[in-house]
Amino acid sequence: MQLLGLIALSDPAWEDSAELVSQLKALGVRMVMLTGDAATTAAIVAHAVGLDGEVCPPGPIAKDVRPEKFAVFAGVLPEDKFKLVKLFQEDGYLVGMCGDGANDAPALRQAQMGIAVSTATDVAKSAAGIVLTSPGLIGVVAAVKEGRFTFQRILTYTLNSVTNKIVKIFFLAIGLGMAGHAILTPMLMIISMLGGDLPGMSLTTDHVRPSTLPNRWRIGNLTLAGVFMGLSELVFCVSVLALGHYHLGMGIAALQALAFITLVRGNQAMTYAIRARGRIWALPHPSRWLILSSVVDLGSALTLAGCGWLMAPLPIWLLASVLAGSVAFVFVLDLVKVSVFCRLKIA
């Protein structure tokens, strides 16, 4: 026999694979390669895209395998991909699986975030939760970021809801004990609830920054954070009410107006305090809807209190003092909030 020639076949990775690996690493996502190819081939491709690490020895998948131990799992069967995804999930990982063939379908279905590329088979697309519509893999990064944007908005909305409930319940109770009379009329209560809902709903459109690490719901810690923020706002509101009752000697009508405007300003201040997990100036500027709703809420409350509509009129100097006090309260709270959120892992 005589060698007449040699034909080299290659199945290169997507052109944007290296960029995908780099961006996902920056987002704190750990990646491993699952492939049915030989270990040598898989290791070369993994190195080319920046996925360096140990290659899992061939053979049955061990039950104690960890994603941080190996970067490449080569020579795996379709059932092995499914098994690996399930093992990682049992260890507490949130698993995303990207594939294109029918042999990836079981693992795509099992993963919390199954992603099929645009050229995937119909079976893989049916099994996946997300199907990329453009060639390449960079859409995976967009999906991760969009998920984190949504998570941050939901987290802010939840914190805002918990905080408002705590403040309103305890503020009314403490005010009743302090003044011996309800500190909000039914009409003022309705107006404060409607006005407070405007910034709360607009938080779902706010500009946020995705976290640098994968998110996870910690309901207990989230509740503790909401309680802390609610009690902080409660201290501010009760302090202003006590000042009006004991120092200024206000009657019940004026005290009700003061309680209303204080509650509105406290809710506004807290809305802007909790929209950032870090310093309040670290986030991008608020969305137009959040700014508009804040202007409408605050403007309406100040107009009603200044003109004496539906409540006793309050002097301009007092309204300005409450406004300035709420601004100072935000910055003081911001100094403490960061360490509390960090300890509770609210990010």
C-alpha atoms as a PDB file:
ATOM      1  CA  MET A   1       0.000   0.000   0.000  1.00  0.00           C
ATOM      2  CA  GLN A   2       1.180   3.484  -0.819  1.00  0.00           C
ATOM      3  CA  LEU A   3       0.151   6.718   0.954  1.00  0.00           C
ATOM      4  CA  LEU A   4      -1.181   9.112  -1.681  1.00  0.00           C
ATOM      5  CA  GLY A   5      -2.352  11.927   0.551  1.00  0.00           C
ATOM      6  CA  LEU A   6      -3.724  13.081   3.926  1.00  0.00           C
ATOM      7  CA  ILE A   7      -6.997  14.893   4.527  1.00  0.00           C
ATOM      8  CA  ALA A   8      -7.382  16.856   7.777  1.00  0.00           C
ATOM      9  CA  LEU A   9     -10.910  17.376   9.116  1.00  0.00           C
ATOM     10  CA  SER A  10     -11.691  20.052  11.662  1.00  0.00           C
ATOM     11  CA  ASP A  11     -14.767  21.071  13.617  1.00  0.00           C
ATOM     12  CA  PRO A  12     -13.745  24.452  15.036  1.00  0.00           C
ATOM     13  CA  ALA A  13     -15.539  26.182  17.865  1.00  0.00           C
ATOM     14  CA  TRP A  14     -17.784  29.161  17.217  1.00  0.00           C
ATOM     15  CA  GLU A  15     -15.836  32.350  16.581  1.00  0.00           C
ATOM     16  CA  ASP A  16     -17.369  34.005  19.625  1.00  0.00           C
ATOM     17  CA  SER A  17     -16.744  31.064  21.967  1.00  0.00           C
ATOM     18  CA  ALA A  18     -13.623  32.603  23.532  1.00  0.00           C
ATOM     19  CA  GLU A  19     -15.488  35.871  24.140  1.00  0.00           C
ATOM     20  CA  LEU A  20     -18.376  33.919  25.649  1.00  0.00           C
ATOM     21  CA  VAL A  21     -16.062  32.112  28.076  1.00  0.00           C
ATOM     22  CA  SER A  22     -14.367  35.372  29.053  1.00  0.00           C
ATOM     23  CA  GLN A  23     -17.611  37.239  29.704  1.00  0.00           C
ATOM     24  CA  LEU A  24     -19.218  34.399  31.647  1.00  0.00           C
ATOM     25  CA  LYS A  25     -16.129  34.123  33.832  1.00  0.00           C
ATOM     26  CA  ALA A  26     -16.432  37.850  34.565  1.00  0.00           C
ATOM     27  CA  LEU A  27     -20.045  37.196  35.642  1.00  0.00           C
ATOM     28  CA  GLY A  28     -18.909  34.518  38.080  1.00  0.00           C
ATOM     29  CA  VAL A  29     -20.240  31.585  36.046  1.00  0.00           C
ATOM     30  CA  ARG A  30     -18.189  28.393  36.242  1.00  0.00           C
ATOM     31  CA  MET A  31     -18.057  26.502  32.939  1.00  0.00           C
ATOM     32  CA  VAL A  32     -17.268  22.917  32.013  1.00  0.00           C
ATOM     33  CA  MET A  33     -17.235  21.166  28.652  1.00  0.00           C
ATOM     34  CA  LEU A  34     -19.280  18.005  28.131  1.00  0.00           C
ATOM     35  CA  THR A  35     -18.502  16.238  24.887  1.00  0.00           C
ATOM     36  CA  GLY A  36     -18.538  12.814  23.363  1.00  0.00           C
ATOM     37  CA  ASP A  37     -15.258  13.527  21.559  1.00  0.00           C
ATOM     38  CA  ALA A  38     -11.949  12.064  22.645  1.00  0.00           C
ATOM     39  CA  ALA A  39     -10.140  13.677  25.550  1.00  0.00           C
ATOM     40  CA  THR A  40      -7.251  14.951  23.407  1.00  0.00           C
ATOM     41  CA  THR A  41      -9.564  16.694  20.961  1.00  0.00           C
ATOM     42  CA  ALA A  42     -11.698  18.140  23.755  1.00  0.00           C
ATOM     43  CA  ALA A  43      -8.669  19.475  25.632  1.00  0.00           C
ATOM     44  CA  ILE A  44      -7.346  21.255  22.525  1.00  0.00           C
ATOM     45  CA  VAL A  45     -10.698  22.909  21.808  1.00  0.00           C
ATOM     46  CA  ALA A  46     -11.167  23.876  25.469  1.00  0.00           C
ATOM     47  CA  HIS A  47      -7.746  25.513  25.571  1.00  0.00           C
ATOM     48  CA  ALA A  48      -8.471  27.393  22.346  1.00  0.00           C
ATOM     49  CA  VAL A  49     -11.561  29.043  23.860  1.00  0.00           C
ATOM     50  CA  GLY A  50      -9.912  29.797  27.210  1.00  0.00           C
ATOM     51  CA  LEU A  51     -11.421  26.955  29.199  1.00  0.00           C
ATOM     52  CA  ASP A  52      -8.326  25.605  30.936  1.00  0.00           C
ATOM     53  CA  GLY A  53      -8.373  22.928  33.599  1.00  0.00           C
ATOM     54  CA  GLU A  54      -8.157  19.227  34.282  1.00  0.00           C
ATOM     55  CA  VAL A  55      -9.737  16.650  31.990  1.00  0.00           C
ATOM     56  CA  CYS A  56     -11.892  14.064  33.738  1.00  0.00           C
ATOM     57  CA  PRO A  57     -10.465  10.544  33.268  1.00  0.00           C
ATOM     58  CA  PRO A  58     -12.538   8.311  30.973  1.00  0.00           C
ATOM     59  CA  GLY A  59     -14.889   5.826  32.541  1.00  0.00           C
ATOM     60  CA  PRO A  60     -18.045   5.872  34.660  1.00  0.00           C
ATOM     61  CA  ILE A  61     -18.986   9.238  36.188  1.00  0.00           C
ATOM     62  CA  ALA A  62     -18.223   9.264  39.921  1.00  0.00           C
ATOM     63  CA  LYS A  63     -21.010  10.404  42.248  1.00  0.00           C
ATOM     64  CA  ASP A  64     -18.714  12.828  44.066  1.00  0.00           C
ATOM     65  CA  VAL A  65     -17.580  14.652  40.914  1.00  0.00           C
ATOM     66  CA  ARG A  66     -17.431  18.447  41.226  1.00  0.00           C
ATOM     67  CA  PRO A  67     -17.423  21.099  38.479  1.00  0.00           C
ATOM     68  CA  GLU A  68     -14.532  22.933  40.134  1.00  0.00           C
ATOM     69  CA  LYS A  69     -12.345  19.837  39.892  1.00  0.00           C
ATOM     70  CA  PHE A  70     -12.559  19.290  36.120  1.00  0.00           C
ATOM     71  CA  ALA A  71     -12.957  21.668  33.194  1.00  0.00           C
ATOM     72  CA  VAL A  72     -13.536  19.010  30.531  1.00  0.00           C
ATOM     73  CA  PHE A  73     -15.614  15.835  30.552  1.00  0.00           C
ATOM     74  CA  ALA A  74     -14.770  13.962  27.339  1.00  0.00           C
ATOM     75  CA  GLY A  75     -16.073  10.734  25.878  1.00  0.00           C
ATOM     76  CA  VAL A  76     -19.375  11.101  27.688  1.00  0.00           C
ATOM     77  CA  LEU A  77     -22.619   9.529  26.494  1.00  0.00           C
ATOM     78  CA  PRO A  78     -25.975  11.353  26.358  1.00  0.00           C
ATOM     79  CA  GLU A  79     -27.019   9.718  29.614  1.00  0.00           C
ATOM     80  CA  ASP A  80     -23.744  10.871  31.180  1.00  0.00           C
ATOM     81  CA  LYS A  81     -24.545  14.496  30.316  1.00  0.00           C
ATOM     82  CA  PHE A  82     -27.914  14.125  32.001  1.00  0.00           C
ATOM     83  CA  LYS A  83     -26.279  12.465  35.009  1.00  0.00           C
ATOM     84  CA  LEU A  84     -23.664  15.202  35.359  1.00  0.00           C
ATOM     85  CA  VAL A  85     -26.277  17.956  35.265  1.00  0.00           C
ATOM     86  CA  LYS A  86     -28.274  16.161  37.942  1.00  0.00           C
ATOM     87  CA  LEU A  87     -25.189  15.575  40.125  1.00  0.00           C
ATOM     88  CA  PHE A  88     -24.269  19.257  39.954  1.00  0.00           C
ATOM     89  CA  GLN A  89     -27.832  20.223  40.907  1.00  0.00           C
ATOM     90  CA  GLU A  90     -27.774  17.864  43.877  1.00  0.00           C
ATOM     91  CA  ASP A  91     -24.655  19.677  45.068  1.00  0.00           C
ATOM     92  CA  GLY A  92     -26.643  22.931  45.134  1.00  0.00           C
ATOM     93  CA  TYR A  93     -25.572  24.410  41.806  1.00  0.00           C
ATOM     94  CA  LEU A  94     -27.929  26.233  39.461  1.00  0.00           C
ATOM     95  CA  VAL A  95     -27.044  24.615  36.140  1.00  0.00           C
ATOM     96  CA  GLY A  96     -27.244  26.034  32.648  1.00  0.00           C
ATOM     97  CA  MET A  97     -26.754  23.619  29.755  1.00  0.00           C
ATOM     98  CA  CYS A  98     -26.005  24.655  26.180  1.00  0.00           C
ATOM     99  CA  GLY A  99     -26.389  22.119  23.362  1.00  0.00           C
ATOM    100  CA  ASP A 100     -27.430  21.585  19.776  1.00  0.00           C
ATOM    101  CA  GLY A 101     -28.036  17.876  19.178  1.00  0.00           C
ATOM    102  CA  ALA A 102     -30.659  15.293  20.006  1.00  0.00           C
ATOM    103  CA  ASN A 103     -28.182  13.661  22.379  1.00  0.00           C
ATOM    104  CA  ASP A 104     -28.187  16.883  24.462  1.00  0.00           C
ATOM    105  CA  ALA A 105     -31.975  16.912  24.911  1.00  0.00           C
ATOM    106  CA  PRO A 106     -32.154  15.041  28.267  1.00  0.00           C
ATOM    107  CA  ALA A 107     -29.540  17.328  29.839  1.00  0.00           C
ATOM    108  CA  LEU A 108     -31.189  20.434  28.347  1.00  0.00           C
ATOM    109  CA  ARG A 109     -34.495  19.424  29.882  1.00  0.00           C
ATOM    110  CA  GLN A 110     -32.947  18.678  33.281  1.00  0.00           C
ATOM    111  CA  ALA A 111     -30.958  21.924  33.601  1.00  0.00           C
ATOM    112  CA  GLN A 112     -32.568  24.975  35.189  1.00  0.00           C
ATOM    113  CA  MET A 113     -31.475  26.961  32.138  1.00  0.00           C
ATOM    114  CA  GLY A 114     -31.447  24.796  29.028  1.00  0.00           C
ATOM    115  CA  ILE A 115     -30.154  26.730  26.001  1.00  0.00           C
ATOM    116  CA  ALA A 116     -30.337  25.520  22.406  1.00  0.00           C
ATOM    117  CA  VAL A 117     -28.279  27.306  19.743  1.00  0.00           C
ATOM    118  CA  SER A 118     -29.917  28.632  16.607  1.00  0.00           C
ATOM    119  CA  THR A 119     -28.718  25.673  14.506  1.00  0.00           C
ATOM    120  CA  ALA A 120     -29.854  23.056  17.020  1.00  0.00           C
ATOM    121  CA  THR A 121     -32.075  20.141  16.076  1.00  0.00           C
ATOM    122  CA  ASP A 122     -35.811  20.369  16.665  1.00  0.00           C
ATOM    123  CA  VAL A 123     -35.506  17.860  19.508  1.00  0.00           C
ATOM    124  CA  ALA A 124     -32.922  20.019  21.293  1.00  0.00           C
ATOM    125  CA  LYS A 125     -34.991  23.178  20.781  1.00  0.00           C
ATOM    126  CA  SER A 126     -38.083  21.474  22.189  1.00  0.00           C
ATOM    127  CA  ALA A 127     -36.175  20.330  25.282  1.00  0.00           C
ATOM    128  CA  ALA A 128     -34.530  23.704  25.960  1.00  0.00           C
ATOM    129  CA  GLY A 129     -36.052  26.595  27.867  1.00  0.00           C
ATOM    130  CA  ILE A 130     -34.230  29.189  25.757  1.00  0.00           C
ATOM    131  CA  VAL A 131     -33.549  29.058  22.028  1.00  0.00           C
ATOM    132  CA  LEU A 132     -30.989  31.460  20.576  1.00  0.00           C
ATOM    133  CA  THR A 133     -32.229  33.124  17.396  1.00  0.00           C
ATOM    134  CA  SER A 134     -28.895  34.411  16.062  1.00  0.00           C
ATOM    135  CA  PRO A 135     -25.801  32.391  15.116  1.00  0.00           C
ATOM    136  CA  GLY A 136     -23.103  31.941  17.724  1.00  0.00           C
ATOM    137  CA  LEU A 137     -23.155  31.684  21.489  1.00  0.00           C
ATOM    138  CA  ILE A 138     -22.901  35.268  22.696  1.00  0.00           C
ATOM    139  CA  GLY A 139     -26.662  35.285  23.240  1.00  0.00           C
ATOM    140  CA  VAL A 140     -26.010  33.175  26.321  1.00  0.00           C
ATOM    141  CA  VAL A 141     -24.367  36.183  27.977  1.00  0.00           C
ATOM    142  CA  ALA A 142     -27.367  38.357  27.103  1.00  0.00           C
ATOM    143  CA  ALA A 143     -29.686  35.752  28.654  1.00  0.00           C
ATOM    144  CA  VAL A 144     -27.641  35.656  31.870  1.00  0.00           C
ATOM    145  CA  LYS A 145     -27.540  39.438  32.139  1.00  0.00           C
ATOM    146  CA  GLU A 146     -31.254  39.795  31.414  1.00  0.00           C
ATOM    147  CA  GLY A 147     -32.004  37.275  34.140  1.00  0.00           C
ATOM    148  CA  ARG A 148     -29.903  39.234  36.602  1.00  0.00           C
ATOM    149  CA  PHE A 149     -31.536  42.522  35.588  1.00  0.00           C
ATOM    150  CA  THR A 150     -34.932  40.973  36.283  1.00  0.00           C
ATOM    151  CA  PHE A 151     -33.752  39.484  39.571  1.00  0.00           C
ATOM    152  CA  GLN A 152     -32.479  42.849  40.819  1.00  0.00           C
ATOM    153  CA  ARG A 153     -35.775  44.552  39.986  1.00  0.00           C
ATOM    154  CA  ILE A 154     -37.789  41.837  41.727  1.00  0.00           C
ATOM    155  CA  LEU A 155     -35.457  42.028  44.724  1.00  0.00           C
ATOM    156  CA  THR A 156     -35.911  45.796  44.984  1.00  0.00           C
ATOM    157  CA  TYR A 157     -39.675  45.520  44.609  1.00  0.00           C
ATOM    158  CA  THR A 158     -39.834  42.854  47.324  1.00  0.00           C
ATOM    159  CA  LEU A 159     -37.698  44.879  49.727  1.00  0.00           C
ATOM    160  CA  ASN A 160     -39.857  47.936  49.075  1.00  0.00           C
ATOM    161  CA  SER A 161     -43.059  45.999  49.756  1.00  0.00           C
ATOM    162  CA  VAL A 162     -41.797  44.464  53.017  1.00  0.00           C
ATOM    163  CA  THR A 163     -40.489  47.829  54.206  1.00  0.00           C
ATOM    164  CA  ASN A 164     -43.730  49.698  53.472  1.00  0.00           C
ATOM    165  CA  LYS A 165     -45.886  47.143  55.241  1.00  0.00           C
ATOM    166  CA  ILE A 166     -43.780  47.281  58.399  1.00  0.00           C
ATOM    167  CA  VAL A 167     -43.691  51.086  58.475  1.00  0.00           C
ATOM    168  CA  LYS A 168     -47.394  51.664  57.947  1.00  0.00           C
ATOM    169  CA  ILE A 169     -48.571  49.097  60.492  1.00  0.00           C
ATOM    170  CA  PHE A 170     -46.253  50.153  63.309  1.00  0.00           C
ATOM    171  CA  PHE A 171     -46.406  53.869  62.522  1.00  0.00           C
ATOM    172  CA  LEU A 172     -50.189  53.897  62.858  1.00  0.00           C
ATOM    173  CA  ALA A 173     -50.019  51.897  66.087  1.00  0.00           C
ATOM    174  CA  ILE A 174     -47.302  54.060  67.670  1.00  0.00           C
ATOM    175  CA  GLY A 175     -49.022  57.251  66.518  1.00  0.00           C
ATOM    176  CA  LEU A 176     -52.297  56.113  68.061  1.00  0.00           C
ATOM    177  CA  GLY A 177     -50.583  55.493  71.367  1.00  0.00           C
ATOM    178  CA  MET A 178     -48.684  58.783  71.195  1.00  0.00           C
ATOM    179  CA  ALA A 179     -51.559  61.092  70.261  1.00  0.00           C
ATOM    180  CA  GLY A 180     -54.476  59.077  71.620  1.00  0.00           C
ATOM    181  CA  HIS A 181     -56.144  59.417  68.232  1.00  0.00           C
ATOM    182  CA  ALA A 182     -55.753  57.980  64.742  1.00  0.00           C
ATOM    183  CA  ILE A 183     -52.928  59.926  63.075  1.00  0.00           C
ATOM    184  CA  LEU A 184     -54.289  59.349  59.580  1.00  0.00           C
ATOM    185  CA  THR A 185     -57.837  59.814  58.388  1.00  0.00           C
ATOM    186  CA  PRO A 186     -59.258  57.117  56.074  1.00  0.00           C
ATOM    187  CA  MET A 187     -58.902  59.486  53.109  1.00  0.00           C
ATOM    188  CA  LEU A 188     -55.264  60.281  53.916  1.00  0.00           C
ATOM    189  CA  MET A 189     -54.553  56.570  54.296  1.00  0.00           C
ATOM    190  CA  ILE A 190     -56.003  55.865  50.850  1.00  0.00           C
ATOM    191  CA  ILE A 191     -54.033  58.722  49.272  1.00  0.00           C
ATOM    192  CA  SER A 192     -50.765  57.601  50.894  1.00  0.00           C
ATOM    193  CA  MET A 193     -51.298  54.016  49.735  1.00  0.00           C
ATOM    194  CA  LEU A 194     -52.099  55.055  46.165  1.00  0.00           C
ATOM    195  CA  GLY A 195     -49.224  57.513  46.049  1.00  0.00           C
ATOM    196  CA  GLY A 196     -46.797  54.992  47.511  1.00  0.00           C
ATOM    197  CA  ASP A 197     -47.765  52.422  44.891  1.00  0.00           C
ATOM    198  CA  LEU A 198     -46.618  54.672  42.054  1.00  0.00           C
ATOM    199  CA  PRO A 199     -42.874  54.567  42.881  1.00  0.00           C
ATOM    200  CA  GLY A 200     -43.222  50.923  43.932  1.00  0.00           C
ATOM    201  CA  MET A 201     -44.600  49.864  40.561  1.00  0.00           C
ATOM    202  CA  SER A 202     -42.135  52.016  38.646  1.00  0.00           C
ATOM    203  CA  LEU A 203     -39.250  50.186  40.357  1.00  0.00           C
ATOM    204  CA  THR A 204     -39.916  47.371  37.875  1.00  0.00           C
ATOM    205  CA  THR A 205     -38.643  49.699  35.128  1.00  0.00           C
ATOM    206  CA  ASP A 206     -35.661  51.052  37.040  1.00  0.00           C
ATOM    207  CA  HIS A 207     -32.114  51.012  35.700  1.00  0.00           C
ATOM    208  CA  VAL A 208     -30.127  48.356  37.540  1.00  0.00           C
ATOM    209  CA  ARG A 209     -26.688  46.790  37.322  1.00  0.00           C
ATOM    210  CA  PRO A 210     -26.364  42.989  37.191  1.00  0.00           C
ATOM    211  CA  SER A 211     -24.563  41.376  40.099  1.00  0.00           C
ATOM    212  CA  THR A 212     -21.048  40.067  39.576  1.00  0.00           C
ATOM    213  CA  LEU A 213     -22.001  36.638  40.927  1.00  0.00           C
ATOM    214  CA  PRO A 214     -24.961  34.326  40.277  1.00  0.00           C
ATOM    215  CA  ASN A 215     -28.056  35.231  42.282  1.00  0.00           C
ATOM    216  CA  ARG A 216     -29.925  33.029  44.690  1.00  0.00           C
ATOM    217  CA  TRP A 217     -33.089  33.648  46.661  1.00  0.00           C
ATOM    218  CA  ARG A 218     -32.452  33.876  50.407  1.00  0.00           C
ATOM    219  CA  ILE A 219     -35.946  34.519  51.718  1.00  0.00           C
ATOM    220  CA  GLY A 220     -34.933  34.608  55.382  1.00  0.00           C
ATOM    221  CA  ASN A 221     -32.143  37.112  54.792  1.00  0.00           C
ATOM    222  CA  LEU A 222     -34.351  39.146  52.475  1.00  0.00           C
ATOM    223  CA  THR A 223     -37.012  39.367  55.184  1.00  0.00           C
ATOM    224  CA  LEU A 224     -34.424  40.451  57.759  1.00  0.00           C
ATOM    225  CA  ALA A 225     -33.157  43.134  55.377  1.00  0.00           C
ATOM    226  CA  GLY A 226     -36.715  44.376  54.819  1.00  0.00           C
ATOM    227  CA  VAL A 227     -37.361  44.459  58.564  1.00  0.00           C
ATOM    228  CA  PHE A 228     -34.165  46.432  59.151  1.00  0.00           C
ATOM    229  CA  MET A 229     -35.034  48.964  56.463  1.00  0.00           C
ATOM    230  CA  GLY A 230     -38.609  49.202  57.695  1.00  0.00           C
ATOM    231  CA  LEU A 231     -37.572  49.816  61.302  1.00  0.00           C
ATOM    232  CA  SER A 232     -35.071  52.443  60.130  1.00  0.00           C
ATOM    233  CA  GLU A 233     -37.791  54.329  58.276  1.00  0.00           C
ATOM    234  CA  LEU A 234     -40.092  53.878  61.261  1.00  0.00           C
ATOM    235  CA  VAL A 235     -37.543  55.601  63.510  1.00  0.00           C
ATOM    236  CA  PHE A 236     -37.454  58.572  61.120  1.00  0.00           C
ATOM    237  CA  CYS A 237     -41.245  58.855  60.870  1.00  0.00           C
ATOM    238  CA  VAL A 238     -41.859  58.485  64.605  1.00  0.00           C
ATOM    239  CA  SER A 239     -39.132  61.045  65.382  1.00  0.00           C
ATOM    240  CA  VAL A 240     -40.787  63.659  63.162  1.00  0.00           C
ATOM    241  CA  LEU A 241     -44.207  62.872  64.625  1.00  0.00           C
ATOM    242  CA  ALA A 242     -42.868  63.120  68.185  1.00  0.00           C
ATOM    243  CA  LEU A 243     -41.254  66.455  67.363  1.00  0.00           C
ATOM    244  CA  GLY A 244     -44.559  67.820  66.106  1.00  0.00           C
ATOM    245  CA  HIS A 245     -46.564  66.431  69.018  1.00  0.00           C
ATOM    246  CA  TYR A 246     -44.303  67.152  71.981  1.00  0.00           C
ATOM    247  CA  HIS A 247     -42.117  70.053  70.843  1.00  0.00           C
ATOM    248  CA  LEU A 248     -44.394  72.003  68.505  1.00  0.00           C
ATOM    249  CA  GLY A 249     -47.589  71.147  70.401  1.00  0.00           C
ATOM    250  CA  MET A 250     -49.622  70.445  67.283  1.00  0.00           C
ATOM    251  CA  GLY A 251     -53.278  69.613  67.469  1.00  0.00           C
ATOM    252  CA  ILE A 252     -54.625  66.368  66.071  1.00  0.00           C
ATOM    253  CA  ALA A 253     -55.569  67.879  62.690  1.00  0.00           C
ATOM    254  CA  ALA A 254     -52.109  69.333  62.099  1.00  0.00           C
ATOM    255  CA  LEU A 255     -50.532  66.176  63.463  1.00  0.00           C
ATOM    256  CA  GLN A 256     -52.449  64.095  60.923  1.00  0.00           C
ATOM    257  CA  ALA A 257     -51.165  66.317  58.109  1.00  0.00           C
ATOM    258  CA  LEU A 258     -47.614  66.026  59.468  1.00  0.00           C
ATOM    259  CA  ALA A 259     -47.933  62.252  59.719  1.00  0.00           C
ATOM    260  CA  PHE A 260     -49.146  62.076  56.130  1.00  0.00           C
ATOM    261  CA  ILE A 261     -46.337  64.159  54.648  1.00  0.00           C
ATOM    262  CA  THR A 262     -43.753  62.369  56.801  1.00  0.00           C
ATOM    263  CA  LEU A 263     -44.957  58.975  55.646  1.00  0.00           C
ATOM    264  CA  VAL A 264     -44.838  60.088  51.995  1.00  0.00           C
ATOM    265  CA  ARG A 265     -41.312  61.501  52.339  1.00  0.00           C
ATOM    266  CA  GLY A 266     -40.119  58.462  54.286  1.00  0.00           C
ATOM    267  CA  ASN A 267     -41.399  56.088  51.606  1.00  0.00           C
ATOM    268  CA  GLN A 268     -39.775  58.176  48.891  1.00  0.00           C
ATOM    269  CA  ALA A 269     -36.455  58.204  50.729  1.00  0.00           C
ATOM    270  CA  MET A 270     -36.567  54.464  51.319  1.00  0.00           C
ATOM    271  CA  THR A 271     -37.394  53.777  47.663  1.00  0.00           C
ATOM    272  CA  TYR A 272     -34.170  55.423  46.556  1.00  0.00           C
ATOM    273  CA  ALA A 273     -32.168  53.871  49.397  1.00  0.00           C
ATOM    274  CA  ILE A 274     -33.048  50.272  48.552  1.00  0.00           C
ATOM    275  CA  ARG A 275     -32.722  50.534  44.763  1.00  0.00           C
ATOM    276  CA  ALA A 276     -28.952  50.118  45.223  1.00  0.00           C
ATOM    277  CA  ARG A 277     -27.320  47.293  47.173  1.00  0.00           C
ATOM    278  CA  GLY A 278     -24.227  49.462  47.540  1.00  0.00           C
ATOM    279  CA  ARG A 279     -23.979  53.223  47.730  1.00  0.00           C
ATOM    280  CA  ILE A 280     -26.963  55.063  46.318  1.00  0.00           C
ATOM    281  CA  TRP A 281     -24.773  56.895  43.805  1.00  0.00           C
ATOM    282  CA  ALA A 282     -23.243  53.666  42.495  1.00  0.00           C
ATOM    283  CA  LEU A 283     -26.243  52.791  40.305  1.00  0.00           C
ATOM    284  CA  PRO A 284     -27.166  54.391  36.975  1.00  0.00           C
ATOM    285  CA  HIS A 285     -29.684  57.220  37.135  1.00  0.00           C
ATOM    286  CA  PRO A 286     -33.289  56.239  37.923  1.00  0.00           C
ATOM    287  CA  SER A 287     -35.619  55.404  35.068  1.00  0.00           C
ATOM    288  CA  ARG A 288     -37.895  58.103  33.694  1.00  0.00           C
ATOM    289  CA  TRP A 289     -40.947  56.331  35.115  1.00  0.00           C
ATOM    290  CA  LEU A 290     -39.445  56.225  38.607  1.00  0.00           C
ATOM    291  CA  ILE A 291     -38.569  59.920  38.447  1.00  0.00           C
ATOM    292  CA  LEU A 292     -42.004  60.830  37.075  1.00  0.00           C
ATOM    293  CA  SER A 293     -43.866  58.813  39.695  1.00  0.00           C
ATOM    294  CA  SER A 294     -41.744  60.334  42.466  1.00  0.00           C
ATOM    295  CA  VAL A 295     -42.477  63.850  41.216  1.00  0.00           C
ATOM    296  CA  VAL A 296     -46.205  63.149  41.002  1.00  0.00           C
ATOM    297  CA  ASP A 297     -46.317  61.521  44.450  1.00  0.00           C
ATOM    298  CA  LEU A 298     -44.250  64.166  46.213  1.00  0.00           C
ATOM    299  CA  GLY A 299     -45.772  67.080  44.322  1.00  0.00           C
ATOM    300  CA  SER A 300     -49.314  65.963  45.106  1.00  0.00           C
ATOM    301  CA  ALA A 301     -48.546  65.441  48.790  1.00  0.00           C
ATOM    302  CA  LEU A 302     -46.835  68.829  49.167  1.00  0.00           C
ATOM    303  CA  THR A 303     -49.668  70.581  47.332  1.00  0.00           C
ATOM    304  CA  LEU A 304     -52.347  68.990  49.503  1.00  0.00           C
ATOM    305  CA  ALA A 305     -50.447  69.734  52.712  1.00  0.00           C
ATOM    306  CA  GLY A 306     -49.456  73.279  51.698  1.00  0.00           C
ATOM    307  CA  CYS A 307     -52.945  74.280  50.528  1.00  0.00           C
ATOM    308  CA  GLY A 308     -54.776  72.476  53.304  1.00  0.00           C
ATOM    309  CA  TRP A 309     -56.845  70.261  51.027  1.00  0.00           C
ATOM    310  CA  LEU A 310     -58.266  67.188  52.798  1.00  0.00           C
ATOM    311  CA  MET A 311     -56.093  68.070  55.812  1.00  0.00           C
ATOM    312  CA  ALA A 312     -54.947  70.959  57.947  1.00  0.00           C
ATOM    313  CA  PRO A 313     -52.463  73.270  56.154  1.00  0.00           C
ATOM    314  CA  LEU A 314     -48.819  73.098  57.146  1.00  0.00           C
ATOM    315  CA  PRO A 315     -46.366  76.007  56.951  1.00  0.00           C
ATOM    316  CA  ILE A 316     -43.802  76.012  54.159  1.00  0.00           C
ATOM    317  CA  TRP A 317     -40.870  75.954  56.578  1.00  0.00           C
ATOM    318  CA  LEU A 318     -42.155  72.743  58.147  1.00  0.00           C
ATOM    319  CA  LEU A 319     -42.666  71.059  54.776  1.00  0.00           C
ATOM    320  CA  ALA A 320     -39.152  72.086  53.748  1.00  0.00           C
ATOM    321  CA  SER A 321     -37.749  70.807  57.044  1.00  0.00           C
ATOM    322  CA  VAL A 322     -39.351  67.382  56.584  1.00  0.00           C
ATOM    323  CA  LEU A 323     -38.030  67.265  53.014  1.00  0.00           C
ATOM    324  CA  ALA A 324     -34.494  68.147  54.133  1.00  0.00           C
ATOM    325  CA  GLY A 325     -34.689  65.665  56.990  1.00  0.00           C
ATOM    326  CA  SER A 326     -35.681  62.845  54.642  1.00  0.00           C
ATOM    327  CA  VAL A 327     -32.707  63.604  52.381  1.00  0.00           C
ATOM    328  CA  ALA A 328     -30.345  63.523  55.366  1.00  0.00           C
ATOM    329  CA  PHE A 329     -32.004  60.293  56.513  1.00  0.00           C
ATOM    330  CA  VAL A 330     -31.228  58.619  53.155  1.00  0.00           C
ATOM    331  CA  PHE A 331     -27.518  59.362  53.376  1.00  0.00           C
ATOM    332  CA  VAL A 332     -27.266  58.311  57.027  1.00  0.00           C
ATOM    333  CA  LEU A 333     -29.111  55.077  56.294  1.00  0.00           C
ATOM    334  CA  ASP A 334     -26.865  54.448  53.292  1.00  0.00           C
ATOM    335  CA  LEU A 335     -23.827  54.286  55.584  1.00  0.00           C
ATOM    336  CA  VAL A 336     -25.355  51.430  57.591  1.00  0.00           C
ATOM    337  CA  LYS A 337     -27.296  49.689  54.827  1.00  0.00           C
ATOM    338  CA  VAL A 338     -24.256  48.569  52.844  1.00  0.00           C
ATOM    339  CA  SER A 339     -22.744  46.575  55.716  1.00  0.00           C
ATOM    340  CA  VAL A 340     -26.131  45.035  56.620  1.00  0.00           C
ATOM    341  CA  PHE A 341     -26.814  43.963  53.023  1.00  0.00           C
ATOM    342  CA  CYS A 342     -23.306  42.585  52.734  1.00  0.00           C
ATOM    343  CA  ARG A 343     -23.674  40.527  55.916  1.00  0.00           C
ATOM    344  CA  LEU A 344     -27.058  39.194  54.788  1.00  0.00           C
ATOM    345  CA  LYS A 345     -25.704  38.511  51.273  1.00  0.00           C
ATOM    346  CA  ILE A 346     -28.301  40.719  49.619  1.00  0.00           C
ATOM    347  CA  ALA A 347     -26.568  41.523  46.332  1.00  0.00           C
END
